Amino acid sequence: MAEEPLKYIRFALQGNVGVITLNRPDKLNAVSWALAAELAALLASLRTRDEVRALVLTGEGRSFCAGGDVEWLSGEGDQENPMPGTSDPSRPMPRKQRISPGGPFFEVTRQLMAVDKPVIAAIHGHAVGAGLAFALACDRRFGDSTTKMGAVFVNVAMPPDCGVTWFLPRVVGLPNALMMIETGRIFKAEECRQLGLIDELVPEGKDLEAALEYAHGIAQKASVAVEMGRRLVYLAQTNSLEQQLDYEGAYGVLVAGSADAAEGTRAFMEKRKPVFRGI
């Protein structure tokens, strides 16, 4: 499994599955500006890497992600914090940040959607705050028995961010989403499964193994069809039925011209297992 050099995260390619590991274990993988920027940039670059057909997102050490680095967010840490209200007021804010104050934190969520590949979360320990948001933005979540998840923003007197208010009601339903956001409660593994925060609960230490097995299964499918199907599902969250039928028709024409589509139909007629190449 070849790894690529990065400072705050790790990326390794295992066959056609890319494994992204948040790598600040001493901070329970809490997200700083620099980590978020590195992760967002990696996801953006992976969109055009056709050899990567699925992704697994996990965390090094005892936790998936303990949310935003509170010491850093408060401006008390050693590293410069460019968020509004925490840095030198005489220092002008970059234009890109002024029109998107969440900076790379929000960009991670955008890129988890825009990468156009299935992203599977392997969760252990805490997945709270921004960590909850990044987990919810994944297509499927595998959690082990140590998993703890929560929308803890209110506990530090902050509103939810990084897309939590978009994803959470869609995953757990409106009443549960409101309960989680209003109370800041942290839920244990079985409670997370019951709420729908994790899709599959596995024994302690098996989350990455289970997520990889699932991702490798997806990577063997016709990747163009998988990616277009994923995109269509997310479009359907805001489209009308008529709009969605138009998108399905247009995407169907696009995918029908792929080599894998020809192989799939040919294999069906010949009563054999198709061999997809991802093209």
C-alpha atoms as a PDB file:
ATOM      1  CA  MET A   1       0.000   0.000   0.000  1.00  0.00           C
ATOM      2  CA  ALA A   2       1.965   3.015  -1.296  1.00  0.00           C
ATOM      3  CA  GLU A   3       1.716   6.197   0.787  1.00  0.00           C
ATOM      4  CA  GLU A   4       2.055   9.795  -0.353  1.00  0.00           C
ATOM      5  CA  PRO A   5       3.910  12.339   1.858  1.00  0.00           C
ATOM      6  CA  LEU A   6       1.560  14.751   3.637  1.00  0.00           C
ATOM      7  CA  LYS A   7       1.926  16.553   6.975  1.00  0.00           C
ATOM      8  CA  TYR A   8      -1.435  16.310   8.746  1.00  0.00           C
ATOM      9  CA  ILE A   9      -3.069  13.438   6.879  1.00  0.00           C
ATOM     10  CA  ARG A  10      -1.885  10.289   5.136  1.00  0.00           C
ATOM     11  CA  PHE A  11      -2.980   8.910   1.786  1.00  0.00           C
ATOM     12  CA  ALA A  12      -2.347   5.342   0.655  1.00  0.00           C
ATOM     13  CA  LEU A  13      -3.581   3.571  -2.457  1.00  0.00           C
ATOM     14  CA  GLN A  14      -4.637  -0.034  -1.898  1.00  0.00           C
ATOM     15  CA  GLY A  15      -5.550  -1.402  -5.314  1.00  0.00           C
ATOM     16  CA  ASN A  16      -8.281   0.915  -6.572  1.00  0.00           C
ATOM     17  CA  VAL A  17      -9.204   2.117  -3.075  1.00  0.00           C
ATOM     18  CA  GLY A  18      -7.650   5.268  -1.617  1.00  0.00           C
ATOM     19  CA  VAL A  19      -7.296   5.355   2.175  1.00  0.00           C
ATOM     20  CA  ILE A  20      -7.261   8.826   3.761  1.00  0.00           C
ATOM     21  CA  THR A  21      -6.133   8.913   7.392  1.00  0.00           C
ATOM     22  CA  LEU A  22      -6.424  12.002   9.576  1.00  0.00           C
ATOM     23  CA  ASN A  23      -3.048  12.076  11.302  1.00  0.00           C
ATOM     24  CA  ARG A  24      -3.029  14.163  14.480  1.00  0.00           C
ATOM     25  CA  PRO A  25      -3.464  11.311  16.974  1.00  0.00           C
ATOM     26  CA  ASP A  26      -2.103  13.356  19.897  1.00  0.00           C
ATOM     27  CA  LYS A  27      -5.056  15.734  19.338  1.00  0.00           C
ATOM     28  CA  LEU A  28      -7.569  12.937  18.592  1.00  0.00           C
ATOM     29  CA  ASN A  29      -7.361  14.166  14.993  1.00  0.00           C
ATOM     30  CA  ALA A  30      -8.945  17.499  15.858  1.00  0.00           C
ATOM     31  CA  VAL A  31      -9.127  19.671  12.755  1.00  0.00           C
ATOM     32  CA  SER A  32      -6.930  22.722  12.377  1.00  0.00           C
ATOM     33  CA  TRP A  33      -6.925  25.111   9.429  1.00  0.00           C
ATOM     34  CA  ALA A  34      -3.830  23.406   8.034  1.00  0.00           C
ATOM     35  CA  LEU A  35      -5.280  19.897   8.282  1.00  0.00           C
ATOM     36  CA  ALA A  36      -8.524  21.006   6.650  1.00  0.00           C
ATOM     37  CA  ALA A  37      -6.642  22.738   3.832  1.00  0.00           C
ATOM     38  CA  GLU A  38      -4.536  19.645   3.202  1.00  0.00           C
ATOM     39  CA  LEU A  39      -7.569  17.334   3.230  1.00  0.00           C
ATOM     40  CA  ALA A  40      -9.639  19.573   0.939  1.00  0.00           C
ATOM     41  CA  ALA A  41      -6.768  19.836  -1.549  1.00  0.00           C
ATOM     42  CA  LEU A  42      -6.229  16.069  -1.562  1.00  0.00           C
ATOM     43  CA  LEU A  43      -9.915  15.375  -2.192  1.00  0.00           C
ATOM     44  CA  ALA A  44      -9.957  17.900  -5.040  1.00  0.00           C
ATOM     45  CA  SER A  45      -6.964  16.202  -6.660  1.00  0.00           C
ATOM     46  CA  LEU A  46      -8.504  12.743  -6.308  1.00  0.00           C
ATOM     47  CA  ARG A  47     -11.506  13.678  -8.412  1.00  0.00           C
ATOM     48  CA  THR A  48      -9.438  13.342 -11.604  1.00  0.00           C
ATOM     49  CA  ARG A  49      -7.515  10.221 -10.595  1.00  0.00           C
ATOM     50  CA  ASP A  50      -9.353   7.475 -12.460  1.00  0.00           C
ATOM     51  CA  GLU A  51      -7.344   4.694 -10.828  1.00  0.00           C
ATOM     52  CA  VAL A  52      -9.030   5.602  -7.514  1.00  0.00           C
ATOM     53  CA  ARG A  53     -12.542   4.183  -7.631  1.00  0.00           C
ATOM     54  CA  ALA A  54     -13.510   4.434  -3.947  1.00  0.00           C
ATOM     55  CA  LEU A  55     -12.211   6.158  -0.823  1.00  0.00           C
ATOM     56  CA  VAL A  56     -12.058   5.269   2.857  1.00  0.00           C
ATOM     57  CA  LEU A  57     -11.785   8.075   5.429  1.00  0.00           C
ATOM     58  CA  THR A  58     -10.494   7.190   8.904  1.00  0.00           C
ATOM     59  CA  GLY A  59      -8.425   8.542  11.782  1.00  0.00           C
ATOM     60  CA  GLU A  60      -5.095   7.526  13.289  1.00  0.00           C
ATOM     61  CA  GLY A  61      -4.975   6.470  16.927  1.00  0.00           C
ATOM     62  CA  ARG A  62      -7.898   6.451  19.362  1.00  0.00           C
ATOM     63  CA  SER A  63     -10.429   8.560  17.455  1.00  0.00           C
ATOM     64  CA  PHE A  64     -11.859   9.286  14.039  1.00  0.00           C
ATOM     65  CA  CYS A  65     -11.997  13.054  14.621  1.00  0.00           C
ATOM     66  CA  ALA A  66     -12.660  15.082  17.774  1.00  0.00           C
ATOM     67  CA  GLY A  67     -13.996  18.075  15.800  1.00  0.00           C
ATOM     68  CA  GLY A  68     -12.335  21.439  15.415  1.00  0.00           C
ATOM     69  CA  ASP A  69      -9.160  21.976  17.438  1.00  0.00           C
ATOM     70  CA  VAL A  70     -10.623  24.087  20.270  1.00  0.00           C
ATOM     71  CA  GLU A  71      -7.246  25.441  21.392  1.00  0.00           C
ATOM     72  CA  TRP A  72      -6.534  26.545  17.834  1.00  0.00           C
ATOM     73  CA  LEU A  73     -10.051  27.907  17.262  1.00  0.00           C
ATOM     74  CA  SER A  74      -9.819  29.984  20.436  1.00  0.00           C
ATOM     75  CA  GLY A  75      -6.670  31.671  19.151  1.00  0.00           C
ATOM     76  CA  GLU A  76      -4.720  30.480  22.213  1.00  0.00           C
ATOM     77  CA  GLY A  77      -2.518  27.993  20.362  1.00  0.00           C
ATOM     78  CA  ASP A  78       0.884  28.571  18.815  1.00  0.00           C
ATOM     79  CA  GLN A  79      -0.407  28.374  15.231  1.00  0.00           C
ATOM     80  CA  GLU A  80      -1.904  31.465  13.583  1.00  0.00           C
ATOM     81  CA  ASN A  81      -5.684  31.300  13.325  1.00  0.00           C
ATOM     82  CA  PRO A  82      -7.072  33.278  10.362  1.00  0.00           C
ATOM     83  CA  MET A  83     -10.715  32.871  11.417  1.00  0.00           C
ATOM     84  CA  PRO A  84     -12.592  36.184  11.938  1.00  0.00           C
ATOM     85  CA  GLY A  85     -12.297  37.542  15.471  1.00  0.00           C
ATOM     86  CA  THR A  86      -9.324  35.411  16.492  1.00  0.00           C
ATOM     87  CA  SER A  87      -6.383  36.966  14.645  1.00  0.00           C
ATOM     88  CA  ASP A  88      -4.728  40.343  14.379  1.00  0.00           C
ATOM     89  CA  PRO A  89      -7.496  42.831  13.405  1.00  0.00           C
ATOM     90  CA  SER A  90      -4.981  44.833  11.368  1.00  0.00           C
ATOM     91  CA  ARG A  91      -4.354  41.826   9.122  1.00  0.00           C
ATOM     92  CA  PRO A  92      -6.728  41.933   6.127  1.00  0.00           C
ATOM     93  CA  MET A  93      -8.833  38.858   5.537  1.00  0.00           C
ATOM     94  CA  PRO A  94      -8.244  37.170   2.152  1.00  0.00           C
ATOM     95  CA  ARG A  95     -11.100  37.691  -0.295  1.00  0.00           C
ATOM     96  CA  LYS A  96     -11.819  33.971  -0.636  1.00  0.00           C
ATOM     97  CA  GLN A  97     -12.178  33.671   3.115  1.00  0.00           C
ATOM     98  CA  ARG A  98     -14.376  36.768   3.326  1.00  0.00           C
ATOM     99  CA  ILE A  99     -16.927  35.228   0.959  1.00  0.00           C
ATOM    100  CA  SER A 100     -16.646  31.815   2.637  1.00  0.00           C
ATOM    101  CA  PRO A 101     -15.670  32.364   6.297  1.00  0.00           C
ATOM    102  CA  GLY A 102     -15.525  28.630   6.977  1.00  0.00           C
ATOM    103  CA  GLY A 103     -12.490  28.398   4.731  1.00  0.00           C
ATOM    104  CA  PRO A 104     -11.051  24.909   4.216  1.00  0.00           C
ATOM    105  CA  PHE A 105     -13.265  23.448   6.968  1.00  0.00           C
ATOM    106  CA  PHE A 106     -16.300  23.956   4.743  1.00  0.00           C
ATOM    107  CA  GLU A 107     -14.281  23.090   1.653  1.00  0.00           C
ATOM    108  CA  VAL A 108     -13.663  19.581   3.028  1.00  0.00           C
ATOM    109  CA  THR A 109     -17.422  18.980   3.084  1.00  0.00           C
ATOM    110  CA  ARG A 110     -17.778  20.374  -0.430  1.00  0.00           C
ATOM    111  CA  GLN A 111     -14.980  18.165  -1.723  1.00  0.00           C
ATOM    112  CA  LEU A 112     -16.351  15.037  -0.036  1.00  0.00           C
ATOM    113  CA  MET A 113     -19.364  15.561  -2.303  1.00  0.00           C
ATOM    114  CA  ALA A 114     -17.513  16.848  -5.372  1.00  0.00           C
ATOM    115  CA  VAL A 115     -14.916  14.064  -5.456  1.00  0.00           C
ATOM    116  CA  ASP A 116     -17.493  12.011  -7.414  1.00  0.00           C
ATOM    117  CA  LYS A 117     -16.373   8.739  -5.850  1.00  0.00           C
ATOM    118  CA  PRO A 118     -17.931   6.701  -3.041  1.00  0.00           C
ATOM    119  CA  VAL A 119     -16.427   7.714   0.316  1.00  0.00           C
ATOM    120  CA  ILE A 120     -16.713   5.256   3.201  1.00  0.00           C
ATOM    121  CA  ALA A 121     -16.080   6.302   6.814  1.00  0.00           C
ATOM    122  CA  ALA A 122     -14.262   3.957   9.205  1.00  0.00           C
ATOM    123  CA  ILE A 123     -15.119   5.344  12.644  1.00  0.00           C
ATOM    124  CA  HIS A 124     -13.714   4.565  16.077  1.00  0.00           C
ATOM    125  CA  GLY A 125     -13.600   6.689  19.185  1.00  0.00           C
ATOM    126  CA  HIS A 126     -14.972  10.208  18.843  1.00  0.00           C
ATOM    127  CA  ALA A 127     -16.609  11.607  15.715  1.00  0.00           C
ATOM    128  CA  VAL A 128     -17.978  14.900  16.999  1.00  0.00           C
ATOM    129  CA  GLY A 129     -18.375  18.459  15.738  1.00  0.00           C
ATOM    130  CA  ALA A 130     -16.586  18.793  12.406  1.00  0.00           C
ATOM    131  CA  GLY A 131     -15.728  15.092  12.696  1.00  0.00           C
ATOM    132  CA  LEU A 132     -19.450  14.317  12.770  1.00  0.00           C
ATOM    133  CA  ALA A 133     -19.947  16.532   9.711  1.00  0.00           C
ATOM    134  CA  PHE A 134     -17.215  14.795   7.730  1.00  0.00           C
ATOM    135  CA  ALA A 135     -18.568  11.369   8.694  1.00  0.00           C
ATOM    136  CA  LEU A 136     -22.111  12.350   7.673  1.00  0.00           C
ATOM    137  CA  ALA A 137     -20.802  13.535   4.289  1.00  0.00           C
ATOM    138  CA  CYS A 138     -19.556  10.007   3.571  1.00  0.00           C
ATOM    139  CA  ASP A 139     -21.690   7.541   1.639  1.00  0.00           C
ATOM    140  CA  ARG A 140     -21.627   4.873   4.350  1.00  0.00           C
ATOM    141  CA  ARG A 141     -20.341   4.739   7.910  1.00  0.00           C
ATOM    142  CA  PHE A 142     -18.788   1.735   9.642  1.00  0.00           C
ATOM    143  CA  GLY A 143     -18.354   2.232  13.380  1.00  0.00           C
ATOM    144  CA  ASP A 144     -16.767  -0.020  15.980  1.00  0.00           C
ATOM    145  CA  SER A 145     -17.868  -0.509  19.591  1.00  0.00           C
ATOM    146  CA  THR A 146     -15.773   2.448  20.799  1.00  0.00           C
ATOM    147  CA  THR A 147     -17.611   4.936  18.572  1.00  0.00           C
ATOM    148  CA  LYS A 148     -19.030   8.103  20.152  1.00  0.00           C
ATOM    149  CA  MET A 149     -20.792  10.695  18.007  1.00  0.00           C
ATOM    150  CA  GLY A 150     -22.437  14.020  18.704  1.00  0.00           C
ATOM    151  CA  ALA A 151     -23.284  17.484  17.407  1.00  0.00           C
ATOM    152  CA  VAL A 152     -21.412  19.096  20.301  1.00  0.00           C
ATOM    153  CA  PHE A 153     -21.245  22.652  18.943  1.00  0.00           C
ATOM    154  CA  VAL A 154     -23.631  24.094  21.549  1.00  0.00           C
ATOM    155  CA  ASN A 155     -21.314  22.836  24.312  1.00  0.00           C
ATOM    156  CA  VAL A 156     -18.730  25.427  23.236  1.00  0.00           C
ATOM    157  CA  ALA A 157     -21.395  28.064  22.508  1.00  0.00           C
ATOM    158  CA  MET A 158     -21.213  27.680  18.734  1.00  0.00           C
ATOM    159  CA  PRO A 159     -23.855  26.860  16.083  1.00  0.00           C
ATOM    160  CA  PRO A 160     -23.393  23.759  13.902  1.00  0.00           C
ATOM    161  CA  ASP A 161     -21.250  24.064  10.797  1.00  0.00           C
ATOM    162  CA  CYS A 162     -19.407  22.117   8.081  1.00  0.00           C
ATOM    163  CA  GLY A 163     -22.765  21.002   6.664  1.00  0.00           C
ATOM    164  CA  VAL A 164     -24.164  19.308   9.785  1.00  0.00           C
ATOM    165  CA  THR A 165     -27.524  21.081   9.432  1.00  0.00           C
ATOM    166  CA  TRP A 166     -27.877  19.777   5.846  1.00  0.00           C
ATOM    167  CA  PHE A 167     -26.815  16.193   6.431  1.00  0.00           C
ATOM    168  CA  LEU A 168     -28.085  15.435   9.934  1.00  0.00           C
ATOM    169  CA  PRO A 169     -31.870  15.770   9.309  1.00  0.00           C
ATOM    170  CA  ARG A 170     -31.475  13.623   6.192  1.00  0.00           C
ATOM    171  CA  VAL A 171     -29.639  10.912   8.117  1.00  0.00           C
ATOM    172  CA  VAL A 172     -31.483  10.774  11.467  1.00  0.00           C
ATOM    173  CA  GLY A 173     -34.720  12.674  10.739  1.00  0.00           C
ATOM    174  CA  LEU A 174     -35.729  16.196  11.753  1.00  0.00           C
ATOM    175  CA  PRO A 175     -36.737  15.576  15.420  1.00  0.00           C
ATOM    176  CA  ASN A 176     -33.547  13.649  16.201  1.00  0.00           C
ATOM    177  CA  ALA A 177     -31.427  16.222  14.392  1.00  0.00           C
ATOM    178  CA  LEU A 178     -32.953  19.022  16.463  1.00  0.00           C
ATOM    179  CA  MET A 179     -32.464  17.001  19.654  1.00  0.00           C
ATOM    180  CA  MET A 180     -28.788  16.378  18.855  1.00  0.00           C
ATOM    181  CA  ILE A 181     -28.094  20.007  17.932  1.00  0.00           C
ATOM    182  CA  GLU A 182     -29.992  21.498  20.871  1.00  0.00           C
ATOM    183  CA  THR A 183     -28.552  19.211  23.566  1.00  0.00           C
ATOM    184  CA  GLY A 184     -24.987  18.635  22.338  1.00  0.00           C
ATOM    185  CA  ARG A 185     -25.285  15.092  23.670  1.00  0.00           C
ATOM    186  CA  ILE A 186     -22.696  12.458  22.767  1.00  0.00           C
ATOM    187  CA  PHE A 187     -24.061   9.034  21.821  1.00  0.00           C
ATOM    188  CA  LYS A 188     -22.369   5.656  22.277  1.00  0.00           C
ATOM    189  CA  ALA A 189     -21.954   3.095  19.510  1.00  0.00           C
ATOM    190  CA  GLU A 190     -25.244   1.196  19.806  1.00  0.00           C
ATOM    191  CA  GLU A 191     -27.188   4.437  20.177  1.00  0.00           C
ATOM    192  CA  CYS A 192     -25.437   5.729  17.052  1.00  0.00           C
ATOM    193  CA  ARG A 193     -26.524   2.630  15.153  1.00  0.00           C
ATOM    194  CA  GLN A 194     -30.111   3.019  16.325  1.00  0.00           C
ATOM    195  CA  LEU A 195     -30.173   6.680  15.288  1.00  0.00           C
ATOM    196  CA  GLY A 196     -28.693   5.853  11.874  1.00  0.00           C
ATOM    197  CA  LEU A 197     -25.473   7.780  12.481  1.00  0.00           C
ATOM    198  CA  ILE A 198     -23.540   4.603  11.700  1.00  0.00           C
ATOM    199  CA  ASP A 199     -24.821   2.093   9.165  1.00  0.00           C
ATOM    200  CA  GLU A 200     -22.884  -0.946  10.349  1.00  0.00           C
ATOM    201  CA  LEU A 201     -21.584  -1.604  13.858  1.00  0.00           C
ATOM    202  CA  VAL A 202     -18.560  -3.910  14.037  1.00  0.00           C
ATOM    203  CA  PRO A 203     -16.364  -5.184  16.906  1.00  0.00           C
ATOM    204  CA  GLU A 204     -13.671  -2.941  18.371  1.00  0.00           C
ATOM    205  CA  GLY A 205     -10.778  -2.375  15.992  1.00  0.00           C
ATOM    206  CA  LYS A 206     -12.614  -3.778  12.946  1.00  0.00           C
ATOM    207  CA  ASP A 207     -13.986  -0.539  11.496  1.00  0.00           C
ATOM    208  CA  LEU A 208     -11.210   0.008   8.947  1.00  0.00           C
ATOM    209  CA  GLU A 209     -11.197  -3.638   7.881  1.00  0.00           C
ATOM    210  CA  ALA A 210     -14.960  -3.604   7.326  1.00  0.00           C
ATOM    211  CA  ALA A 211     -14.882  -0.275   5.485  1.00  0.00           C
ATOM    212  CA  LEU A 212     -12.063  -1.484   3.222  1.00  0.00           C
ATOM    213  CA  GLU A 213     -13.909  -4.691   2.388  1.00  0.00           C
ATOM    214  CA  TYR A 214     -16.975  -2.678   1.409  1.00  0.00           C
ATOM    215  CA  ALA A 215     -14.922  -0.157  -0.594  1.00  0.00           C
ATOM    216  CA  HIS A 216     -13.053  -2.873  -2.504  1.00  0.00           C
ATOM    217  CA  GLY A 217     -16.402  -4.395  -3.473  1.00  0.00           C
ATOM    218  CA  ILE A 218     -17.534  -1.059  -4.899  1.00  0.00           C
ATOM    219  CA  ALA A 219     -14.200  -0.578  -6.681  1.00  0.00           C
ATOM    220  CA  GLN A 220     -14.847  -3.741  -8.695  1.00  0.00           C
ATOM    221  CA  LYS A 221     -18.082  -2.307 -10.110  1.00  0.00           C
ATOM    222  CA  ALA A 222     -18.423  -0.165 -13.234  1.00  0.00           C
ATOM    223  CA  SER A 223     -17.069   3.047 -11.723  1.00  0.00           C
ATOM    224  CA  VAL A 224     -18.670   5.464 -14.199  1.00  0.00           C
ATOM    225  CA  ALA A 225     -22.096   4.035 -13.403  1.00  0.00           C
ATOM    226  CA  VAL A 226     -21.359   4.071  -9.668  1.00  0.00           C
ATOM    227  CA  GLU A 227     -20.219   7.692  -9.722  1.00  0.00           C
ATOM    228  CA  MET A 228     -23.157   8.874 -11.821  1.00  0.00           C
ATOM    229  CA  GLY A 229     -25.575   6.979  -9.579  1.00  0.00           C
ATOM    230  CA  ARG A 230     -24.078   8.649  -6.530  1.00  0.00           C
ATOM    231  CA  ARG A 231     -24.363  12.069  -8.148  1.00  0.00           C
ATOM    232  CA  LEU A 232     -27.987  11.435  -9.108  1.00  0.00           C
ATOM    233  CA  VAL A 233     -28.938  10.483  -5.546  1.00  0.00           C
ATOM    234  CA  TYR A 234     -27.553  13.755  -4.205  1.00  0.00           C
ATOM    235  CA  LEU A 235     -29.205  15.775  -6.973  1.00  0.00           C
ATOM    236  CA  ALA A 236     -32.502  14.169  -5.997  1.00  0.00           C
ATOM    237  CA  GLN A 237     -32.276  15.730  -2.529  1.00  0.00           C
ATOM    238  CA  THR A 238     -33.192  19.116  -3.987  1.00  0.00           C
ATOM    239  CA  ASN A 239     -34.704  18.378  -7.439  1.00  0.00           C
ATOM    240  CA  SER A 240     -38.352  17.942  -8.358  1.00  0.00           C
ATOM    241  CA  LEU A 241     -39.409  14.598  -9.861  1.00  0.00           C
ATOM    242  CA  GLU A 242     -39.552  16.088 -13.364  1.00  0.00           C
ATOM    243  CA  GLN A 243     -36.074  17.554 -12.998  1.00  0.00           C
ATOM    244  CA  GLN A 244     -34.755  14.267 -11.691  1.00  0.00           C
ATOM    245  CA  LEU A 245     -36.230  12.265 -14.560  1.00  0.00           C
ATOM    246  CA  ASP A 246     -34.474  14.603 -16.990  1.00  0.00           C
ATOM    247  CA  TYR A 247     -31.163  14.145 -15.160  1.00  0.00           C
ATOM    248  CA  GLU A 248     -31.579  10.361 -15.100  1.00  0.00           C
ATOM    249  CA  GLY A 249     -32.232  10.320 -18.832  1.00  0.00           C
ATOM    250  CA  ALA A 250     -29.251  12.540 -19.629  1.00  0.00           C
ATOM    251  CA  TYR A 251     -26.879  10.627 -17.351  1.00  0.00           C
ATOM    252  CA  GLY A 252     -28.126   7.331 -18.768  1.00  0.00           C
ATOM    253  CA  VAL A 253     -27.118   8.431 -22.260  1.00  0.00           C
ATOM    254  CA  LEU A 254     -23.690   9.511 -21.002  1.00  0.00           C
ATOM    255  CA  VAL A 255     -22.992   6.271 -19.146  1.00  0.00           C
ATOM    256  CA  ALA A 256     -24.278   4.115 -22.014  1.00  0.00           C
ATOM    257  CA  GLY A 257     -21.293   5.253 -24.068  1.00  0.00           C
ATOM    258  CA  SER A 258     -18.749   3.863 -21.591  1.00  0.00           C
ATOM    259  CA  ALA A 259     -16.698   0.741 -22.247  1.00  0.00           C
ATOM    260  CA  ASP A 260     -17.975  -0.784 -19.023  1.00  0.00           C
ATOM    261  CA  ALA A 261     -21.580  -0.374 -20.153  1.00  0.00           C
ATOM    262  CA  ALA A 262     -20.799  -2.327 -23.311  1.00  0.00           C
ATOM    263  CA  GLU A 263     -19.019  -4.993 -21.258  1.00  0.00           C
ATOM    264  CA  GLY A 264     -21.877  -5.209 -18.777  1.00  0.00           C
ATOM    265  CA  THR A 265     -24.564  -5.798 -21.384  1.00  0.00           C
ATOM    266  CA  ARG A 266     -22.351  -8.192 -23.331  1.00  0.00           C
ATOM    267  CA  ALA A 267     -21.552 -10.214 -20.208  1.00  0.00           C
ATOM    268  CA  PHE A 268     -25.256 -10.413 -19.341  1.00  0.00           C
ATOM    269  CA  MET A 269     -26.096 -11.788 -22.778  1.00  0.00           C
ATOM    270  CA  GLU A 270     -23.199 -14.263 -22.589  1.00  0.00           C
ATOM    271  CA  LYS A 271     -24.185 -15.324 -19.043  1.00  0.00           C
ATOM    272  CA  ARG A 272     -20.770 -14.589 -17.529  1.00  0.00           C
ATOM    273  CA  LYS A 273     -19.353 -12.293 -14.873  1.00  0.00           C
ATOM    274  CA  PRO A 274     -18.423  -8.871 -16.343  1.00  0.00           C
ATOM    275  CA  VAL A 275     -14.867  -7.566 -16.122  1.00  0.00           C
ATOM    276  CA  PHE A 276     -15.073  -3.825 -15.548  1.00  0.00           C
ATOM    277  CA  ARG A 277     -12.113  -1.549 -16.196  1.00  0.00           C
ATOM    278  CA  GLY A 278     -13.499   1.689 -14.839  1.00  0.00           C
ATOM    279  CA  ILE A 279     -13.805   3.352 -18.250  1.00  0.00           C
END
